[in-house]
Protein backbone atom coordinates (compact mmCIF):
# COMPACT_ATOMS: atom_id res chain seq x y z
CA MET A 1 19.04 -19.40 -93.84
CA GLY A 2 20.34 -20.14 -90.69
CA ALA A 3 19.19 -20.62 -87.30
CA PRO A 4 17.83 -17.19 -85.74
CA ASP A 5 19.91 -15.18 -83.69
CA LEU A 6 19.11 -13.89 -80.04
CA GLU A 7 18.36 -10.03 -81.10
CA GLU A 8 16.12 -11.73 -84.32
CA LEU A 9 13.98 -13.79 -82.08
CA ARG A 10 13.53 -11.08 -79.74
CA ALA A 11 12.74 -8.78 -82.76
CA PHE A 12 10.63 -10.95 -84.23
CA THR A 13 8.31 -11.02 -80.23
CA VAL A 14 8.15 -7.72 -80.57
CA ARG A 15 6.90 -7.44 -83.88
CA LEU A 16 4.09 -10.23 -83.19
CA ARG A 17 2.66 -8.51 -80.11
CA CYS A 18 1.12 -6.14 -82.83
CA VAL A 19 -0.60 -8.63 -84.72
CA GLU A 20 -4.11 -7.74 -84.38
CA ALA A 21 -7.66 -9.33 -85.93
CA GLY A 22 -8.88 -8.09 -89.30
CA GLY A 23 -9.47 -9.44 -92.21
CA ASP A 24 -11.25 -12.31 -93.43
CA ALA A 25 -11.51 -15.62 -91.75
CA GLY A 26 -9.86 -17.62 -94.15
CA SER A 27 -6.90 -14.94 -93.27
CA GLY A 28 -7.50 -15.52 -89.68
CA ILE A 29 -7.36 -19.05 -89.92
CA GLU A 30 -4.43 -19.08 -91.86
CA TRP A 31 -2.91 -16.66 -89.20
CA LEU A 32 -3.72 -19.73 -86.90
CA ASP A 33 -1.99 -22.55 -87.95
CA ALA A 34 1.36 -20.37 -88.46
CA ILE A 35 1.19 -19.47 -84.95
CA GLU A 36 0.33 -23.00 -84.05
CA ALA A 37 3.36 -23.98 -85.75
CA LEU A 38 5.47 -21.32 -84.33
CA LYS A 39 4.84 -22.98 -80.76
CA SER A 40 6.06 -26.66 -82.55
CA VAL A 41 9.11 -25.17 -83.66
CA GLY A 42 9.34 -23.46 -80.46
CA CYS A 43 8.42 -26.19 -77.89
CA ALA A 44 11.32 -28.21 -80.00
CA ALA A 45 13.64 -25.40 -79.89
CA GLN A 46 13.21 -25.39 -76.26
CA ALA A 47 13.61 -29.06 -75.47
CA VAL A 48 16.54 -28.87 -77.78
CA ILE A 49 18.38 -25.97 -75.69
CA THR A 50 17.14 -26.89 -72.11
CA ASP A 51 19.06 -30.40 -72.90
CA ASP A 52 22.06 -28.76 -73.70
CA ILE A 53 21.84 -26.78 -70.63
CA ALA A 54 21.63 -29.37 -68.65
CA THR A 55 23.92 -31.68 -69.81
CA ARG A 56 26.80 -28.26 -70.00
CA ILE A 57 26.03 -27.99 -66.38
CA ARG A 58 26.91 -31.72 -65.22
CA ALA A 59 29.96 -31.13 -67.56
CA ASP A 60 30.81 -28.48 -65.66
CA ARG A 61 30.49 -29.53 -62.57
CA LYS A 62 31.86 -33.00 -62.95
CA ALA A 63 35.30 -31.51 -64.30
CA ASP A 64 35.46 -29.15 -61.33
CA GLY A 65 34.79 -32.13 -59.43
CA ALA A 66 32.10 -31.77 -57.18
CA PRO A 67 30.57 -34.90 -56.36
CA ARG A 68 28.50 -37.38 -58.71
CA ALA A 69 24.82 -36.01 -56.69
CA GLU A 70 25.65 -32.51 -57.07
CA TRP A 71 26.12 -32.53 -61.27
CA GLY A 72 22.35 -32.31 -61.84
CA ARG A 73 21.08 -30.08 -58.25
CA GLY A 74 19.32 -26.96 -59.59
CA ILE A 75 18.91 -27.62 -63.54
CA ALA A 76 15.21 -27.96 -63.13
CA SER A 77 14.75 -24.71 -60.93
CA GLN A 78 16.91 -22.49 -63.48
CA ILE A 79 14.90 -23.84 -65.99
CA ALA A 80 11.71 -22.90 -64.18
CA LEU A 81 12.97 -19.76 -63.43
CA ALA A 82 13.70 -18.93 -67.59
CA ARG A 83 10.39 -19.97 -68.39
CA ARG A 84 8.27 -18.39 -65.61
CA GLU A 85 7.08 -21.57 -64.18
CA SER A 86 6.96 -23.39 -60.55
CA PRO A 87 10.69 -25.32 -60.15
CA ASN A 88 8.39 -28.49 -60.19
CA ARG A 89 7.29 -27.43 -64.26
CA GLY A 90 10.83 -26.62 -64.51
CA GLY A 91 11.56 -30.69 -63.65
CA ARG A 92 9.01 -31.39 -66.25
CA HIS A 93 10.26 -29.67 -68.82
CA LEU A 94 13.83 -31.07 -68.22
CA GLY A 95 12.28 -34.66 -68.14
CA PHE A 96 10.34 -34.32 -70.71
CA ALA A 97 13.50 -32.35 -73.04
CA GLN A 98 15.33 -34.93 -72.07
CA ALA A 99 13.25 -37.57 -73.34
CA LEU A 100 12.43 -36.35 -76.42
CA VAL A 101 16.00 -35.59 -77.08
CA HIS A 102 17.41 -38.64 -76.39
CA GLU A 103 14.52 -40.75 -77.05
CA MET A 104 12.25 -39.40 -79.08
CA PRO A 105 13.86 -38.51 -82.33
CA HIS A 106 11.13 -38.74 -84.71
CA THR A 107 8.87 -36.63 -82.15
CA LEU A 108 11.13 -34.25 -82.05
CA ASP A 109 11.70 -34.34 -85.95
CA LEU A 110 7.88 -33.76 -85.83
CA LEU A 111 7.87 -30.77 -83.27
CA ARG A 112 10.04 -29.25 -85.55
CA SER A 113 8.53 -29.58 -88.46
CA GLY A 114 5.47 -28.29 -87.07
CA ARG A 115 3.42 -30.40 -87.40
CA LEU A 116 2.80 -31.96 -84.00
CA ASN A 117 2.21 -29.95 -81.07
CA GLU A 118 3.21 -30.23 -77.68
CA CYS A 119 -0.28 -31.47 -76.65
CA GLY A 120 0.90 -34.32 -79.19
CA ASP A 121 -1.69 -33.49 -81.79
CA THR A 122 -0.46 -34.25 -85.09
CA ARG A 123 -1.31 -31.08 -87.70
CA ARG A 124 -3.80 -31.91 -90.59
CA ARG A 125 -3.82 -30.08 -93.64
CA TYR A 126 -6.99 -29.63 -95.22
CA PRO A 127 -6.92 -27.72 -98.70
CA ASN A 128 -10.44 -26.39 -98.53
CA GLY A 129 -10.74 -25.30 -94.76
CA GLY A 130 -12.18 -28.30 -93.55
């Protein structure tokens, strides 16, 4: 099974909006666990995509002959806009993404697996719910 395309992701997002509380507490815990894993995987995907965007923009500007000082200008703001964050937070997201992709591959793998959350807490599985 390959990566979902953009329309699949958007359709899933719409379906997830319809989730309601209900059922027993055990199934609620399972939902929380699954959504937490989804958030972790999403964080990893955002990091990889953010780094790729920055790399492509810099390469395009370099190829167009822009001065080196211009290669990275405005990238953090574009990331912030896409993530509905302030430009300052966009810069942090960009820096974090580049660190994950280029300097912290094991951490990125843990995020991709859903075993690490974006706060750095490893997820432990308790077979009997506690």
